[in-house]
């Protein structure tokens, strides 16, 4: 496990202390969870960007064109309202 000295503005630290208390977790656990959530969000964003870059719209259009022109099966109708 690594340690890192973190400088946090007093107002943010006070709010983080309140939230950690409400969640019944230590400040350490609160900060570790917050960092993990941010890292996860950034990794998810890069994953979807990479997937989008591999996309083939022409291939998708060709695949879609091969789909039968049929009414939806029972239960697959579009909801109206």
C-alpha atoms as a PDB file:
ATOM      1  CA  UNK A   1       0.000   0.000   0.000  1.00  0.00           C
ATOM      2  CA  UNK A   2       1.302   3.466  -0.833  1.00  0.00           C
ATOM      3  CA  UNK A   3       0.927   6.744   1.001  1.00  0.00           C
ATOM      4  CA  UNK A   4       0.487  10.190  -0.499  1.00  0.00           C
ATOM      5  CA  UNK A   5       0.288  13.509   1.334  1.00  0.00           C
ATOM      6  CA  UNK A   6      -2.712  15.337  -0.072  1.00  0.00           C
ATOM      7  CA  UNK A   7      -3.350  19.061   0.273  1.00  0.00           C
ATOM      8  CA  UNK A   8      -7.081  19.764   0.238  1.00  0.00           C
ATOM      9  CA  UNK A   9      -8.773  23.162   0.527  1.00  0.00           C
ATOM     10  CA  UNK A  10     -10.248  23.529   4.009  1.00  0.00           C
ATOM     11  CA  UNK A  11     -13.814  23.999   2.745  1.00  0.00           C
ATOM     12  CA  UNK A  12     -13.650  20.844   0.609  1.00  0.00           C
ATOM     13  CA  UNK A  13     -12.065  18.891   3.446  1.00  0.00           C
ATOM     14  CA  UNK A  14     -14.813  19.948   5.835  1.00  0.00           C
ATOM     15  CA  UNK A  15     -17.491  18.860   3.382  1.00  0.00           C
ATOM     16  CA  UNK A  16     -15.695  15.556   2.738  1.00  0.00           C
ATOM     17  CA  UNK A  17     -15.559  14.976   6.505  1.00  0.00           C
ATOM     18  CA  UNK A  18     -19.350  15.492   6.725  1.00  0.00           C
ATOM     19  CA  UNK A  19     -20.058  13.135   3.836  1.00  0.00           C
ATOM     20  CA  UNK A  20     -17.716  10.482   5.225  1.00  0.00           C
ATOM     21  CA  UNK A  21     -19.479  10.705   8.584  1.00  0.00           C
ATOM     22  CA  UNK A  22     -22.889  10.410   6.920  1.00  0.00           C
ATOM     23  CA  UNK A  23     -21.676   7.340   5.016  1.00  0.00           C
ATOM     24  CA  UNK A  24     -20.108   5.948   8.202  1.00  0.00           C
ATOM     25  CA  UNK A  25     -16.682   5.490   6.596  1.00  0.00           C
ATOM     26  CA  UNK A  26     -13.237   6.801   7.491  1.00  0.00           C
ATOM     27  CA  UNK A  27     -11.796   9.792   5.665  1.00  0.00           C
ATOM     28  CA  UNK A  28      -9.211   7.439   4.164  1.00  0.00           C
ATOM     29  CA  UNK A  29     -11.913   5.132   2.824  1.00  0.00           C
ATOM     30  CA  UNK A  30     -13.851   8.116   1.498  1.00  0.00           C
ATOM     31  CA  UNK A  31     -10.841   9.470  -0.416  1.00  0.00           C
ATOM     32  CA  UNK A  32      -9.847   6.035  -1.738  1.00  0.00           C
ATOM     33  CA  UNK A  33     -13.401   5.428  -2.961  1.00  0.00           C
ATOM     34  CA  UNK A  34     -13.577   8.878  -4.571  1.00  0.00           C
ATOM     35  CA  UNK A  35     -10.287   8.268  -6.400  1.00  0.00           C
ATOM     36  CA  UNK A  36     -11.448   4.813  -7.526  1.00  0.00           C
ATOM     37  CA  UNK A  37     -14.705   6.264  -8.874  1.00  0.00           C
ATOM     38  CA  UNK A  38     -12.850   8.943 -10.841  1.00  0.00           C
ATOM     39  CA  UNK A  39     -10.345   6.457 -12.275  1.00  0.00           C
ATOM     40  CA  UNK A  40     -13.211   4.161 -13.248  1.00  0.00           C
ATOM     41  CA  UNK A  41     -15.066   6.996 -14.991  1.00  0.00           C
ATOM     42  CA  UNK A  42     -11.969   7.991 -16.973  1.00  0.00           C
ATOM     43  CA  UNK A  43     -11.182   4.400 -17.940  1.00  0.00           C
ATOM     44  CA  UNK A  44     -14.787   3.853 -19.019  1.00  0.00           C
ATOM     45  CA  UNK A  45     -14.678   6.978 -21.174  1.00  0.00           C
ATOM     46  CA  UNK A  46     -11.473   5.860 -22.887  1.00  0.00           C
ATOM     47  CA  UNK A  47     -12.905   2.342 -23.390  1.00  0.00           C
ATOM     48  CA  UNK A  48     -15.968   3.665 -25.212  1.00  0.00           C
ATOM     49  CA  UNK A  49     -13.865   6.071 -27.304  1.00  0.00           C
ATOM     50  CA  UNK A  50     -11.661   3.158 -28.350  1.00  0.00           C
ATOM     51  CA  UNK A  51     -14.699   1.025 -29.169  1.00  0.00           C
ATOM     52  CA  UNK A  52     -16.277   3.849 -31.174  1.00  0.00           C
ATOM     53  CA  UNK A  53     -13.058   4.274 -33.170  1.00  0.00           C
ATOM     54  CA  UNK A  54     -13.258   0.605 -34.201  1.00  0.00           C
ATOM     55  CA  UNK A  55     -16.852   0.992 -35.332  1.00  0.00           C
ATOM     56  CA  UNK A  56     -17.732   0.410 -38.967  1.00  0.00           C
ATOM     57  CA  UNK A  57     -20.834   2.394 -39.952  1.00  0.00           C
ATOM     58  CA  UNK A  58     -20.853   1.015 -43.496  1.00  0.00           C
ATOM     59  CA  UNK A  59     -20.727  -2.524 -42.129  1.00  0.00           C
ATOM     60  CA  UNK A  60     -23.494  -1.746 -39.671  1.00  0.00           C
ATOM     61  CA  UNK A  61     -25.653  -0.283 -42.442  1.00  0.00           C
ATOM     62  CA  UNK A  62     -25.056  -3.407 -44.557  1.00  0.00           C
ATOM     63  CA  UNK A  63     -26.001  -5.650 -41.636  1.00  0.00           C
ATOM     64  CA  UNK A  64     -29.094  -3.577 -40.934  1.00  0.00           C
ATOM     65  CA  UNK A  65     -30.137  -3.708 -44.589  1.00  0.00           C
ATOM     66  CA  UNK A  66     -30.207  -7.509 -44.352  1.00  0.00           C
ATOM     67  CA  UNK A  67     -32.702  -7.408 -41.477  1.00  0.00           C
ATOM     68  CA  UNK A  68     -36.151  -8.606 -42.488  1.00  0.00           C
ATOM     69  CA  UNK A  69     -38.883  -6.026 -42.918  1.00  0.00           C
ATOM     70  CA  UNK A  70     -41.319  -7.580 -40.463  1.00  0.00           C
ATOM     71  CA  UNK A  71     -43.499  -6.305 -37.631  1.00  0.00           C
ATOM     72  CA  UNK A  72     -42.047  -6.647 -34.142  1.00  0.00           C
ATOM     73  CA  UNK A  73     -42.645  -9.819 -32.209  1.00  0.00           C
ATOM     74  CA  UNK A  74     -45.226  -9.604 -29.413  1.00  0.00           C
ATOM     75  CA  UNK A  75     -43.702  -7.711 -26.488  1.00  0.00           C
ATOM     76  CA  UNK A  76     -41.126  -5.898 -28.669  1.00  0.00           C
ATOM     77  CA  UNK A  77     -43.429  -3.094 -29.793  1.00  0.00           C
ATOM     78  CA  UNK A  78     -42.447   0.517 -29.189  1.00  0.00           C
ATOM     79  CA  UNK A  79     -44.103   2.002 -26.149  1.00  0.00           C
ATOM     80  CA  UNK A  80     -46.445   4.877 -26.956  1.00  0.00           C
ATOM     81  CA  UNK A  81     -47.454   7.602 -24.632  1.00  0.00           C
END
